[in-house]
Amino acid sequence: MHNRHDFLKTTAVAASVLAMCSVPRVAVVTTHPMSNEHFIVRQTLVLVNGTSRGSKTFTPADKPESSYELPADCKGKFYVRSFCNLLDF
């Protein structure tokens, strides 16, 4: 995976989660290489209104997995974004 287009195709399925807020927590797993040269730096959960619900930062030695609690009154969509050290998004 050497170009931004390929990266976005894989993260669109694995990391850029788009779903209805019907569960109290959401777990995120980004399918991406984790090496010193190329790794996921951060995952962030954002509600549809732009409010950040949390983020997690990674090192190359980590697994790109995180979990976030959703607000009880969450009634819309949410987004999870993964950021790569080489390709940014």
C-alpha atoms as a PDB file:
ATOM      1  CA  MET A   1       0.000   0.000   0.000  1.00  0.00           C
ATOM      2  CA  HIS A   2       2.081   2.898  -1.259  1.00  0.00           C
ATOM      3  CA  ASN A   3      -0.416   5.506  -2.296  1.00  0.00           C
ATOM      4  CA  ARG A   4      -3.105   7.545  -0.585  1.00  0.00           C
ATOM      5  CA  HIS A   5      -5.922   6.061  -2.676  1.00  0.00           C
ATOM      6  CA  ASP A   6      -5.188   2.488  -1.564  1.00  0.00           C
ATOM      7  CA  PHE A   7      -4.867   3.621   2.038  1.00  0.00           C
ATOM      8  CA  LEU A   8      -8.221   5.416   1.947  1.00  0.00           C
ATOM      9  CA  LYS A   9      -9.948   2.378   0.418  1.00  0.00           C
ATOM     10  CA  THR A  10      -8.779   0.113   3.247  1.00  0.00           C
ATOM     11  CA  THR A  11      -9.415   2.561   6.062  1.00  0.00           C
ATOM     12  CA  ALA A  12     -12.858   3.400   4.717  1.00  0.00           C
ATOM     13  CA  VAL A  13     -13.863  -0.144   5.600  1.00  0.00           C
ATOM     14  CA  ALA A  14     -11.803  -0.709   8.721  1.00  0.00           C
ATOM     15  CA  ALA A  15     -11.343   2.634  10.395  1.00  0.00           C
ATOM     16  CA  SER A  16     -13.670   5.298   9.141  1.00  0.00           C
ATOM     17  CA  VAL A  17     -16.645   3.721  10.845  1.00  0.00           C
ATOM     18  CA  LEU A  18     -20.007   5.301  10.114  1.00  0.00           C
ATOM     19  CA  ALA A  19     -22.888   3.933  12.154  1.00  0.00           C
ATOM     20  CA  MET A  20     -25.905   4.786  14.247  1.00  0.00           C
ATOM     21  CA  CYS A  21     -25.327   5.458  17.943  1.00  0.00           C
ATOM     22  CA  SER A  22     -27.302   2.567  19.376  1.00  0.00           C
ATOM     23  CA  VAL A  23     -24.603   1.021  21.576  1.00  0.00           C
ATOM     24  CA  PRO A  24     -22.901   2.434  24.678  1.00  0.00           C
ATOM     25  CA  ARG A  25     -19.367   1.722  23.408  1.00  0.00           C
ATOM     26  CA  VAL A  26     -17.702   1.354  20.060  1.00  0.00           C
ATOM     27  CA  ALA A  27     -14.496  -0.587  19.396  1.00  0.00           C
ATOM     28  CA  VAL A  28     -12.228   0.443  16.522  1.00  0.00           C
ATOM     29  CA  VAL A  29      -9.630  -1.707  14.774  1.00  0.00           C
ATOM     30  CA  THR A  30      -7.640  -0.265  11.875  1.00  0.00           C
ATOM     31  CA  THR A  31      -6.246  -2.800   9.425  1.00  0.00           C
ATOM     32  CA  HIS A  32      -2.908  -1.224   8.592  1.00  0.00           C
ATOM     33  CA  PRO A  33       0.801  -2.090   8.783  1.00  0.00           C
ATOM     34  CA  MET A  34       2.510  -1.149  12.038  1.00  0.00           C
ATOM     35  CA  SER A  35       6.248  -0.742  11.411  1.00  0.00           C
ATOM     36  CA  ASN A  36       8.739   1.924  12.452  1.00  0.00           C
ATOM     37  CA  GLU A  37       8.507   3.417   8.976  1.00  0.00           C
ATOM     38  CA  HIS A  38       4.725   3.269   8.470  1.00  0.00           C
ATOM     39  CA  PHE A  39       2.105   3.100  11.209  1.00  0.00           C
ATOM     40  CA  ILE A  40      -1.210   4.415  12.532  1.00  0.00           C
ATOM     41  CA  VAL A  41      -0.456   7.369  14.788  1.00  0.00           C
ATOM     42  CA  ARG A  42      -3.947   8.187  16.049  1.00  0.00           C
ATOM     43  CA  GLN A  43      -7.621   7.202  16.024  1.00  0.00           C
ATOM     44  CA  THR A  44     -10.289   9.771  16.889  1.00  0.00           C
ATOM     45  CA  LEU A  45     -14.056   9.382  17.409  1.00  0.00           C
ATOM     46  CA  VAL A  46     -16.165  12.409  16.399  1.00  0.00           C
ATOM     47  CA  LEU A  47     -19.937  12.788  16.695  1.00  0.00           C
ATOM     48  CA  VAL A  48     -21.874  14.095  13.698  1.00  0.00           C
ATOM     49  CA  ASN A  49     -22.116  17.533  15.380  1.00  0.00           C
ATOM     50  CA  GLY A  50     -18.292  17.763  15.436  1.00  0.00           C
ATOM     51  CA  THR A  51     -17.825  16.949  19.130  1.00  0.00           C
ATOM     52  CA  SER A  52     -14.785  14.788  19.799  1.00  0.00           C
ATOM     53  CA  ARG A  53     -15.530  11.824  22.083  1.00  0.00           C
ATOM     54  CA  GLY A  54     -11.931  10.749  22.449  1.00  0.00           C
ATOM     55  CA  SER A  55      -8.765   9.708  20.737  1.00  0.00           C
ATOM     56  CA  LYS A  56      -5.890   7.317  21.167  1.00  0.00           C
ATOM     57  CA  THR A  57      -2.290   7.754  20.038  1.00  0.00           C
ATOM     58  CA  PHE A  58      -0.123   4.805  18.980  1.00  0.00           C
ATOM     59  CA  THR A  59       3.522   3.883  18.604  1.00  0.00           C
ATOM     60  CA  PRO A  60       4.751   1.423  15.958  1.00  0.00           C
ATOM     61  CA  ALA A  61       4.779  -1.305  18.621  1.00  0.00           C
ATOM     62  CA  ASP A  62       1.048  -0.898  19.405  1.00  0.00           C
ATOM     63  CA  LYS A  63      -1.970  -2.547  17.822  1.00  0.00           C
ATOM     64  CA  PRO A  64      -4.200   0.144  16.267  1.00  0.00           C
ATOM     65  CA  GLU A  65      -7.225  -0.638  18.435  1.00  0.00           C
ATOM     66  CA  SER A  66      -9.281   1.662  20.640  1.00  0.00           C
ATOM     67  CA  SER A  67     -12.633   1.796  22.401  1.00  0.00           C
ATOM     68  CA  TYR A  68     -14.895   4.773  23.084  1.00  0.00           C
ATOM     69  CA  GLU A  69     -17.950   5.360  25.239  1.00  0.00           C
ATOM     70  CA  LEU A  70     -20.868   6.990  23.477  1.00  0.00           C
ATOM     71  CA  PRO A  71     -23.061   9.559  25.240  1.00  0.00           C
ATOM     72  CA  ALA A  72     -26.425   8.278  26.450  1.00  0.00           C
ATOM     73  CA  ASP A  73     -28.259  10.911  24.399  1.00  0.00           C
ATOM     74  CA  CYS A  74     -26.408  10.110  21.176  1.00  0.00           C
ATOM     75  CA  LYS A  75     -29.029  10.014  18.431  1.00  0.00           C
ATOM     76  CA  GLY A  76     -27.059  10.416  15.239  1.00  0.00           C
ATOM     77  CA  LYS A  77     -24.090   9.165  13.342  1.00  0.00           C
ATOM     78  CA  PHE A  78     -20.490   9.132  14.479  1.00  0.00           C
ATOM     79  CA  TYR A  79     -17.201   8.905  12.636  1.00  0.00           C
ATOM     80  CA  VAL A  80     -13.888   7.296  13.488  1.00  0.00           C
ATOM     81  CA  ARG A  81     -10.785   8.527  11.729  1.00  0.00           C
ATOM     82  CA  SER A  82      -7.390   6.901  11.642  1.00  0.00           C
ATOM     83  CA  PHE A  83      -4.286   8.915  10.882  1.00  0.00           C
ATOM     84  CA  CYS A  84      -1.126   7.415   9.393  1.00  0.00           C
ATOM     85  CA  ASN A  85       2.355   8.863   9.833  1.00  0.00           C
ATOM     86  CA  LEU A  86       2.981   8.841   6.058  1.00  0.00           C
ATOM     87  CA  LEU A  87      -0.425   9.379   4.464  1.00  0.00           C
ATOM     88  CA  ASP A  88      -2.050  11.536   7.173  1.00  0.00           C
ATOM     89  CA  PHE A  89      -5.662  10.294   6.795  1.00  0.00           C
END
